[in-house]
C-alpha atoms as a PDB file:
ATOM      1  CA  MET A   1       0.191  -0.157   0.032  1.00  0.00           C
ATOM      2  CA  TYR A   2       2.656   1.741   0.953  1.00  0.00           C
ATOM      3  CA  TYR A   3       4.516   2.390  -2.658  1.00  0.00           C
ATOM      4  CA  ARG A   4       1.191   2.416  -4.184  1.00  0.00           C
ATOM      5  CA  PHE A   5       0.916   5.612  -2.215  1.00  0.00           C
ATOM      6  CA  VAL A   6       4.326   6.826  -3.372  1.00  0.00           C
ATOM      7  CA  ILE A   7       3.986   6.236  -7.002  1.00  0.00           C
ATOM      8  CA  LYS A   8       0.202   7.466  -6.952  1.00  0.00           C
ATOM      9  CA  LEU A   9       1.976  10.830  -4.973  1.00  0.00           C
ATOM     10  CA  PHE A  10       4.557  10.674  -7.663  1.00  0.00           C
ATOM     11  CA  LEU A  11       2.193  10.376 -10.710  1.00  0.00           C
ATOM     12  CA  THR A  12       0.233  13.311  -9.633  1.00  0.00           C
ATOM     13  CA  CYS A  13       2.869  15.394  -8.999  1.00  0.00           C
ATOM     14  CA  TRP A  14       4.838  14.858 -12.428  1.00  0.00           C
ATOM     15  CA  VAL A  15       1.577  15.392 -13.807  1.00  0.00           C
ATOM     16  CA  MET A  16       1.083  19.065 -12.031  1.00  0.00           C
ATOM     17  CA  SER A  17       4.603  19.974 -12.663  1.00  0.00           C
ATOM     18  CA  ALA A  18       3.934  19.291 -16.741  1.00  0.00           C
ATOM     19  CA  ALA A  19       0.607  21.138 -16.745  1.00  0.00           C
ATOM     20  CA  PHE A  20       2.058  24.048 -15.309  1.00  0.00           C
ATOM     21  CA  VAL A  21       5.380  24.310 -17.642  1.00  0.00           C
ATOM     22  CA  THR A  22       3.394  23.840 -20.405  1.00  0.00           C
ATOM     23  CA  ALA A  23       0.718  26.718 -19.168  1.00  0.00           C
ATOM     24  CA  LYS A  24       0.709  29.777 -21.585  1.00  0.00           C
ATOM     25  CA  GLU A  25      -0.858  32.528 -20.893  1.00  0.00           C
ATOM     26  CA  SER A  26      -3.421  33.669 -24.037  1.00  0.00           C
ATOM     27  CA  ILE A  27      -3.050  36.917 -25.570  1.00  0.00           C
ATOM     28  CA  VAL A  28      -6.450  38.013 -27.920  1.00  0.00           C
ATOM     29  CA  ILE A  29      -5.107  40.522 -30.522  1.00  0.00           C
ATOM     30  CA  ALA A  30      -7.994  42.243 -32.743  1.00  0.00           C
ATOM     31  CA  SER A  31      -6.882  44.075 -35.838  1.00  0.00           C
ATOM     32  CA  GLU A  32      -8.500  45.071 -39.531  1.00  0.00           C
ATOM     33  CA  VAL A  33      -6.748  43.503 -41.886  1.00  0.00           C
ATOM     34  CA  TRP A  34      -4.837  45.702 -43.820  1.00  0.00           C
ATOM     35  CA  THR A  35      -3.132  44.272 -47.119  1.00  0.00           C
ATOM     36  CA  GLY A  36       0.750  43.207 -46.568  1.00  0.00           C
ATOM     37  CA  TYR A  37       0.440  44.302 -42.532  1.00  0.00           C
ATOM     38  CA  THR A  38      -2.181  42.139 -41.190  1.00  0.00           C
ATOM     39  CA  ASP A  39      -3.893  38.579 -42.681  1.00  0.00           C
ATOM     40  CA  VAL A  40      -5.746  35.270 -41.972  1.00  0.00           C
ATOM     41  CA  HIS A  41      -2.408  34.127 -42.109  1.00  0.00           C
ATOM     42  CA  LYS A  42      -1.066  35.622 -39.597  1.00  0.00           C
ATOM     43  CA  ASP A  43       2.839  36.684 -41.697  1.00  0.00           C
ATOM     44  CA  GLY A  44       1.884  40.643 -42.389  1.00  0.00           C
ATOM     45  CA  VAL A  45       4.170  43.122 -41.035  1.00  0.00           C
ATOM     46  CA  TYR A  46       1.875  43.931 -37.700  1.00  0.00           C
ATOM     47  CA  ASP A  47       1.835  39.822 -36.969  1.00  0.00           C
ATOM     48  CA  GLN A  48       5.247  39.697 -37.566  1.00  0.00           C
ATOM     49  CA  MET A  49       6.096  42.046 -34.577  1.00  0.00           C
ATOM     50  CA  ILE A  50       3.379  40.929 -32.137  1.00  0.00           C
ATOM     51  CA  LYS A  51       5.074  36.970 -32.770  1.00  0.00           C
ATOM     52  CA  LYS A  52       8.439  38.472 -32.939  1.00  0.00           C
ATOM     53  CA  VAL A  53       7.787  40.606 -29.196  1.00  0.00           C
ATOM     54  CA  PHE A  54       5.685  38.292 -27.762  1.00  0.00           C
ATOM     55  CA  ASP A  55       7.428  35.078 -28.230  1.00  0.00           C
ATOM     56  CA  SER A  56       5.141  31.680 -28.972  1.00  0.00           C
ATOM     57  CA  GLU A  57       7.069  29.829 -26.424  1.00  0.00           C
ATOM     58  CA  SER A  58       5.476  32.261 -23.671  1.00  0.00           C
ATOM     59  CA  PHE A  59       2.379  33.385 -25.206  1.00  0.00           C
ATOM     60  CA  GLU A  60      -0.424  31.444 -26.391  1.00  0.00           C
ATOM     61  CA  LEU A  61      -1.553  34.192 -29.464  1.00  0.00           C
ATOM     62  CA  ARG A  62      -5.335  34.593 -30.794  1.00  0.00           C
ATOM     63  CA  PHE A  63      -5.674  36.800 -34.020  1.00  0.00           C
ATOM     64  CA  GLU A  64      -8.915  38.180 -34.415  1.00  0.00           C
ATOM     65  CA  TYR A  65      -9.470  39.757 -37.752  1.00  0.00           C
ATOM     66  CA  VAL A  66     -12.378  41.837 -37.938  1.00  0.00           C
ATOM     67  CA  SER A  67     -13.017  45.919 -39.584  1.00  0.00           C
ATOM     68  CA  TYR A  68     -11.367  48.262 -37.221  1.00  0.00           C
ATOM     69  CA  ALA A  69     -14.831  49.614 -35.688  1.00  0.00           C
ATOM     70  CA  ASP A  70     -14.938  45.908 -34.302  1.00  0.00           C
ATOM     71  CA  SER A  71     -11.591  46.339 -33.292  1.00  0.00           C
ATOM     72  CA  ILE A  72     -11.993  49.199 -30.662  1.00  0.00           C
ATOM     73  CA  MET A  73     -15.197  47.244 -29.545  1.00  0.00           C
ATOM     74  CA  MET A  74     -13.561  44.254 -28.755  1.00  0.00           C
ATOM     75  CA  HIS A  75     -11.492  46.525 -26.488  1.00  0.00           C
ATOM     76  CA  LYS A  76     -13.922  48.155 -25.080  1.00  0.00           C
ATOM     77  CA  ARG A  77     -15.847  45.615 -24.023  1.00  0.00           C
ATOM     78  CA  GLN A  78     -12.297  43.801 -22.698  1.00  0.00           C
ATOM     79  CA  LEU A  79     -12.418  40.464 -25.574  1.00  0.00           C
ATOM     80  CA  ALA A  80      -8.876  41.313 -26.551  1.00  0.00           C
ATOM     81  CA  ASP A  81      -5.818  42.354 -25.061  1.00  0.00           C
ATOM     82  CA  VAL A  82      -4.549  44.075 -27.589  1.00  0.00           C
ATOM     83  CA  VAL A  83      -5.499  46.096 -30.204  1.00  0.00           C
ATOM     84  CA  LEU A  84      -3.456  47.425 -33.822  1.00  0.00           C
ATOM     85  CA  GLY A  85      -2.843  50.274 -35.638  1.00  0.00           C
ATOM     86  CA  VAL A  86      -4.692  52.599 -33.002  1.00  0.00           C
ATOM     87  CA  TYR A  87      -3.933  56.590 -33.699  1.00  0.00           C
ATOM     88  CA  PRO A  88      -2.521  58.520 -30.927  1.00  0.00           C
ATOM     89  CA  GLN A  89      -4.767  59.950 -27.820  1.00  0.00           C
ATOM     90  CA  GLU A  90      -7.537  57.956 -30.197  1.00  0.00           C
ATOM     91  CA  ILE A  91      -8.905  55.639 -27.237  1.00  0.00           C
ATOM     92  CA  ASP A  92      -9.372  56.487 -23.852  1.00  0.00           C
ATOM     93  CA  ALA A  93      -9.221  54.126 -21.064  1.00  0.00           C
ATOM     94  CA  ALA A  94      -6.278  52.086 -22.787  1.00  0.00           C
ATOM     95  CA  ILE A  95      -3.060  51.826 -22.220  1.00  0.00           C
ATOM     96  CA  TYR A  96      -0.703  52.929 -25.016  1.00  0.00           C
ATOM     97  CA  PRO A  97       3.236  52.314 -25.507  1.00  0.00           C
ATOM     98  CA  SER A  98       6.377  54.570 -25.840  1.00  0.00           C
ATOM     99  CA  MET A  99       7.424  52.925 -28.642  1.00  0.00           C
ATOM    100  CA  HIS A 100       4.787  52.716 -32.159  1.00  0.00           C
ATOM    101  CA  MET A 101       4.639  50.439 -34.364  1.00  0.00           C
ATOM    102  CA  ASP A 102       4.240  52.151 -38.002  1.00  0.00           C
ATOM    103  CA  ILE A 103       3.333  55.881 -39.180  1.00  0.00           C
ATOM    104  CA  ASP A 104       0.677  56.384 -41.535  1.00  0.00           C
ATOM    105  CA  ILE A 105       1.207  58.593 -44.402  1.00  0.00           C
ATOM    106  CA  ILE A 106      -2.475  60.271 -44.546  1.00  0.00           C
ATOM    107  CA  VAL A 107      -3.707  61.344 -48.067  1.00  0.00           C
ATOM    108  CA  ALA A 108      -6.312  62.898 -49.628  1.00  0.00           C
ATOM    109  CA  LEU A 109      -8.314  61.186 -52.828  1.00  0.00           C
ATOM    110  CA  TYR A 110     -10.232  62.945 -55.338  1.00  0.00           C
ATOM    111  CA  ARG A 111     -11.268  64.268 -58.850  1.00  0.00           C
ATOM    112  CA  ASP A 112      -7.821  64.749 -60.957  1.00  0.00           C
ATOM    113  CA  THR A 113     -10.004  67.942 -62.581  1.00  0.00           C
ATOM    114  CA  GLU A 114     -10.445  69.436 -59.175  1.00  0.00           C
ATOM    115  CA  PRO A 115      -7.400  71.534 -57.848  1.00  0.00           C
ATOM    116  CA  THR A 116      -4.871  70.154 -55.703  1.00  0.00           C
ATOM    117  CA  PHE A 117      -6.984  69.381 -51.773  1.00  0.00           C
ATOM    118  CA  GLN A 118      -5.610  71.753 -48.873  1.00  0.00           C
ATOM    119  CA  LEU A 119      -7.079  71.168 -45.524  1.00  0.00           C
ATOM    120  CA  THR A 120      -7.850  75.188 -45.238  1.00  0.00           C
ATOM    121  CA  ALA A 121      -9.606  74.567 -47.781  1.00  0.00           C
ATOM    122  CA  ALA A 122     -12.048  71.214 -46.239  1.00  0.00           C
ATOM    123  CA  GLN A 123     -15.104  73.543 -45.672  1.00  0.00           C
ATOM    124  CA  GLY A 124     -17.638  73.062 -47.965  1.00  0.00           C
ATOM    125  CA  LYS A 125     -16.564  69.617 -49.106  1.00  0.00           C
ATOM    126  CA  ARG A 126     -18.819  66.276 -48.588  1.00  0.00           C
ATOM    127  CA  ILE A 127     -15.437  64.439 -46.710  1.00  0.00           C
ATOM    128  CA  ALA A 128     -15.685  60.931 -45.879  1.00  0.00           C
ATOM    129  CA  TRP A 129     -13.343  58.380 -44.411  1.00  0.00           C
ATOM    130  CA  ILE A 130     -13.127  54.612 -42.970  1.00  0.00           C
ATOM    131  CA  ARG A 131     -15.757  54.079 -39.700  1.00  0.00           C
ATOM    132  CA  ASN A 132     -14.321  55.045 -36.435  1.00  0.00           C
ATOM    133  CA  TYR A 133     -10.720  56.302 -38.162  1.00  0.00           C
ATOM    134  CA  SER A 134     -11.465  59.903 -36.996  1.00  0.00           C
ATOM    135  CA  TYR A 135      -9.530  62.048 -38.506  1.00  0.00           C
ATOM    136  CA  ASN A 136     -11.205  64.754 -37.554  1.00  0.00           C
ATOM    137  CA  ASN A 137      -9.344  64.816 -33.916  1.00  0.00           C
ATOM    138  CA  TYR A 138      -5.895  64.692 -35.667  1.00  0.00           C
ATOM    139  CA  PHE A 139      -7.126  67.773 -38.561  1.00  0.00           C
ATOM    140  CA  PRO A 140      -9.639  70.383 -36.925  1.00  0.00           C
ATOM    141  CA  ALA A 141     -10.412  71.551 -40.698  1.00  0.00           C
ATOM    142  CA  LEU A 142     -12.150  68.170 -41.309  1.00  0.00           C
ATOM    143  CA  ARG A 143     -15.297  69.315 -39.353  1.00  0.00           C
ATOM    144  CA  ASP A 144     -17.681  68.122 -41.423  1.00  0.00           C
ATOM    145  CA  PHE A 145     -17.454  64.220 -42.799  1.00  0.00           C
ATOM    146  CA  ILE A 146     -19.262  60.483 -43.229  1.00  0.00           C
ATOM    147  CA  GLU A 147     -18.089  57.412 -42.353  1.00  0.00           C
ATOM    148  CA  LEU A 148     -18.065  54.679 -44.355  1.00  0.00           C
ATOM    149  CA  ASP A 149     -17.698  50.700 -44.192  1.00  0.00           C
ATOM    150  CA  GLY A 150     -15.329  49.999 -47.336  1.00  0.00           C
ATOM    151  CA  ARG A 151     -13.382  51.991 -49.128  1.00  0.00           C
ATOM    152  CA  ASP A 152     -15.142  50.274 -52.435  1.00  0.00           C
ATOM    153  CA  ALA A 153     -18.077  52.678 -51.535  1.00  0.00           C
ATOM    154  CA  ALA A 154     -15.905  55.161 -51.454  1.00  0.00           C
ATOM    155  CA  LEU A 155     -14.315  55.079 -54.786  1.00  0.00           C
ATOM    156  CA  LYS A 156     -17.518  54.675 -56.470  1.00  0.00           C
ATOM    157  CA  LEU A 157     -19.293  57.749 -54.160  1.00  0.00           C
ATOM    158  CA  LEU A 158     -16.443  59.774 -55.836  1.00  0.00           C
ATOM    159  CA  GLN A 159     -16.614  58.825 -59.592  1.00  0.00           C
ATOM    160  CA  THR A 160     -20.838  59.543 -59.315  1.00  0.00           C
ATOM    161  CA  ASN A 161     -20.188  62.672 -58.207  1.00  0.00           C
ATOM    162  CA  LYS A 162     -21.553  61.668 -55.076  1.00  0.00           C
ATOM    163  CA  LEU A 163     -18.299  62.666 -52.519  1.00  0.00           C
ATOM    164  CA  ASP A 164     -15.373  65.677 -53.762  1.00  0.00           C
ATOM    165  CA  VAL A 165     -12.459  64.069 -50.954  1.00  0.00           C
ATOM    166  CA  PHE A 166     -11.810  60.392 -49.409  1.00  0.00           C
ATOM    167  CA  ILE A 167      -9.311  60.580 -46.465  1.00  0.00           C
ATOM    168  CA  ASP A 168      -7.550  57.278 -45.586  1.00  0.00           C
ATOM    169  CA  PHE A 169      -3.346  55.958 -45.195  1.00  0.00           C
ATOM    170  CA  GLU A 170      -1.297  55.904 -48.346  1.00  0.00           C
ATOM    171  CA  SER A 171      -0.638  51.687 -48.189  1.00  0.00           C
ATOM    172  CA  GLU A 172      -3.929  50.959 -47.940  1.00  0.00           C
ATOM    173  CA  MET A 173      -5.500  53.209 -50.263  1.00  0.00           C
ATOM    174  CA  LYS A 174      -3.001  51.715 -52.894  1.00  0.00           C
ATOM    175  CA  THR A 175      -3.835  48.796 -52.495  1.00  0.00           C
ATOM    176  CA  ALA A 176      -7.922  49.735 -52.883  1.00  0.00           C
ATOM    177  CA  LEU A 177      -6.932  51.439 -55.946  1.00  0.00           C
ATOM    178  CA  ASN A 178      -4.808  48.665 -57.536  1.00  0.00           C
ATOM    179  CA  ASN A 179      -7.739  45.753 -57.201  1.00  0.00           C
ATOM    180  CA  THR A 180     -10.140  47.947 -59.155  1.00  0.00           C
ATOM    181  CA  SER A 181     -10.362  50.115 -62.068  1.00  0.00           C
ATOM    182  CA  LEU A 182     -12.695  52.769 -60.035  1.00  0.00           C
ATOM    183  CA  GLY A 183      -9.366  54.733 -59.548  1.00  0.00           C
ATOM    184  CA  LYS A 184      -9.544  56.438 -62.910  1.00  0.00           C
ATOM    185  CA  GLY A 185      -9.578  59.741 -62.720  1.00  0.00           C
ATOM    186  CA  LEU A 186      -8.494  60.299 -59.651  1.00  0.00           C
ATOM    187  CA  GLN A 187      -5.159  61.974 -57.557  1.00  0.00           C
ATOM    188  CA  THR A 188      -3.944  61.763 -54.598  1.00  0.00           C
ATOM    189  CA  THR A 189      -2.252  64.461 -51.986  1.00  0.00           C
ATOM    190  CA  THR A 190      -0.084  64.203 -48.641  1.00  0.00           C
ATOM    191  CA  ILE A 191      -2.317  65.985 -45.903  1.00  0.00           C
ATOM    192  CA  GLY A 192       0.098  64.453 -42.731  1.00  0.00           C
ATOM    193  CA  TYR A 193       1.651  61.393 -40.781  1.00  0.00           C
ATOM    194  CA  LEU A 194       0.420  59.948 -37.411  1.00  0.00           C
ATOM    195  CA  LYS A 195       1.850  57.661 -35.307  1.00  0.00           C
ATOM    196  CA  ARG A 196      -0.110  53.877 -35.338  1.00  0.00           C
ATOM    197  CA  TYR A 197       0.738  52.064 -31.914  1.00  0.00           C
ATOM    198  CA  PRO A 198      -1.208  48.237 -30.357  1.00  0.00           C
ATOM    199  CA  ILE A 199      -2.933  49.594 -27.386  1.00  0.00           C
ATOM    200  CA  PHE A 200      -3.833  47.393 -24.236  1.00  0.00           C
ATOM    201  CA  GLN A 201      -6.340  46.848 -21.690  1.00  0.00           C
ATOM    202  CA  ALA A 202      -5.999  49.618 -18.437  1.00  0.00           C
ATOM    203  CA  ASP A 203      -5.193  46.659 -15.876  1.00  0.00           C
ATOM    204  CA  GLN A 204      -2.412  44.586 -14.428  1.00  0.00           C
ATOM    205  CA  LYS A 205      -1.959  42.140 -17.550  1.00  0.00           C
ATOM    206  CA  GLY A 206      -2.076  45.359 -19.550  1.00  0.00           C
ATOM    207  CA  ARG A 207       0.601  46.754 -18.229  1.00  0.00           C
ATOM    208  CA  ARG A 208       2.824  43.968 -18.429  1.00  0.00           C
ATOM    209  CA  LEU A 209       2.247  43.423 -22.037  1.00  0.00           C
ATOM    210  CA  GLU A 210       3.100  47.657 -22.547  1.00  0.00           C
ATOM    211  CA  LYS A 211       6.194  46.818 -20.581  1.00  0.00           C
ATOM    212  CA  LEU A 212       7.595  43.995 -22.601  1.00  0.00           C
ATOM    213  CA  TRP A 213       6.299  45.822 -26.078  1.00  0.00           C
ATOM    214  CA  ASP A 214       8.418  48.743 -25.278  1.00  0.00           C
ATOM    215  CA  GLN A 215      11.751  46.493 -23.898  1.00  0.00           C
ATOM    216  CA  LYS A 216      11.545  44.311 -27.016  1.00  0.00           C
ATOM    217  CA  MET A 217      10.568  47.199 -29.742  1.00  0.00           C
ATOM    218  CA  LYS A 218      13.661  49.273 -28.456  1.00  0.00           C
ATOM    219  CA  GLU A 219      16.117  46.075 -29.124  1.00  0.00           C
ATOM    220  CA  LEU A 220      13.955  45.161 -32.340  1.00  0.00           C
ATOM    221  CA  VAL A 221      14.591  48.672 -33.281  1.00  0.00           C
ATOM    222  CA  GLU A 222      17.911  49.273 -32.396  1.00  0.00           C
ATOM    223  CA  LEU A 223      18.566  45.992 -34.304  1.00  0.00           C
ATOM    224  CA  GLU A 224      16.412  47.239 -37.615  1.00  0.00           C
ATOM    225  CA  TYR A 225      15.007  43.946 -37.553  1.00  0.00           C
ATOM    226  CA  PHE A 226      11.985  45.223 -39.340  1.00  0.00           C
ATOM    227  CA  ARG A 227      13.399  47.086 -41.912  1.00  0.00           C
ATOM    228  CA  PRO A 228      13.411  43.930 -44.596  1.00  0.00           C
ATOM    229  CA  HIS A 229       9.681  43.604 -43.567  1.00  0.00           C
ATOM    230  CA  PHE A 230       8.471  46.899 -44.927  1.00  0.00           C
ATOM    231  CA  GLU A 231      10.791  47.229 -47.830  1.00  0.00           C
ATOM    232  CA  ALA A 232       8.742  43.673 -48.883  1.00  0.00           C
ATOM    233  CA  GLN A 233       6.121  46.008 -49.000  1.00  0.00           C
ATOM    234  CA  ASN A 234       8.087  48.362 -51.222  1.00  0.00           C
ATOM    235  CA  ARG A 235       7.777  50.837 -48.478  1.00  0.00           C
ATOM    236  CA  GLN A 236      10.341  53.594 -48.893  1.00  0.00           C
ATOM    237  CA  ASN A 237       9.617  54.960 -45.651  1.00  0.00           C
ATOM    238  CA  TYR A 238      10.637  53.363 -42.653  1.00  0.00           C
ATOM    239  CA  PRO A 239       8.611  54.095 -39.603  1.00  0.00           C
ATOM    240  CA  PHE A 240      11.758  54.517 -37.174  1.00  0.00           C
ATOM    241  CA  ASP A 241      14.184  56.251 -39.289  1.00  0.00           C
ATOM    242  CA  LYS A 242      14.745  59.775 -37.961  1.00  0.00           C
ATOM    243  CA  LYS A 243      13.889  61.534 -41.376  1.00  0.00           C
ATOM    244  CA  MET A 244      10.229  59.583 -41.530  1.00  0.00           C
ATOM    245  CA  LEU A 245      10.032  60.595 -37.406  1.00  0.00           C
ATOM    246  CA  SER A 246      10.783  64.548 -38.267  1.00  0.00           C
ATOM    247  CA  LYS A 247       7.620  64.364 -40.445  1.00  0.00           C
ATOM    248  CA  LEU A 248       5.288  64.206 -37.379  1.00  0.00           C
ATOM    249  CA  ALA A 249       3.182  67.045 -36.146  1.00  0.00           C
ATOM    250  CA  HIS A 250       4.824  68.108 -32.619  1.00  0.00           C
END
């Protein structure tokens, strides 16, 4: 009986020890699908950032690819630990890290029969952007606007003269224009630059993840680890170069 008890105790301890060693903390990452940056194959630039920072040996990563508006809703309902691609001070009750993940070139798309678009001439224009992108928070001249659920809708409205200007970030707008014939007769003008961040929940877990993000990203940026990833997307504007950082509004 004694030996059976010892063996049983040993097996119980071994199972508990193995479970403790292999247990991983789950991280839910919510993001819109941005071509080349986030996708269901988890090999986009931002996907690679997350996987490199939050080593899969330590964490179980669960990516949820939804609309941007839905990713923000997941944050508010505490269904996501991390939301990708958020602009500065955009979301209340969220932890922003020191290290950004990208810098967006913000552009205006409009008919090429119109004069060059300027923010100072925005008043009276029919302006739109994707739902929850909130460009009015960063460009005060954009006071009157509508929000759309897709870029195809914006292109159709421009072509049928039901919209004057569509605001978006350059890389995604280029993708949208390359995938349709609706881009004919349209032109773009750069109106500004904005950092993009991952945001975390304002709790103990969020603070731990934010601290790890900043620590690892500083090391990886110093090594220029992600430069080839951005260059693979035909990006000349590497978001951690001093030249690119100097373009940001102060």
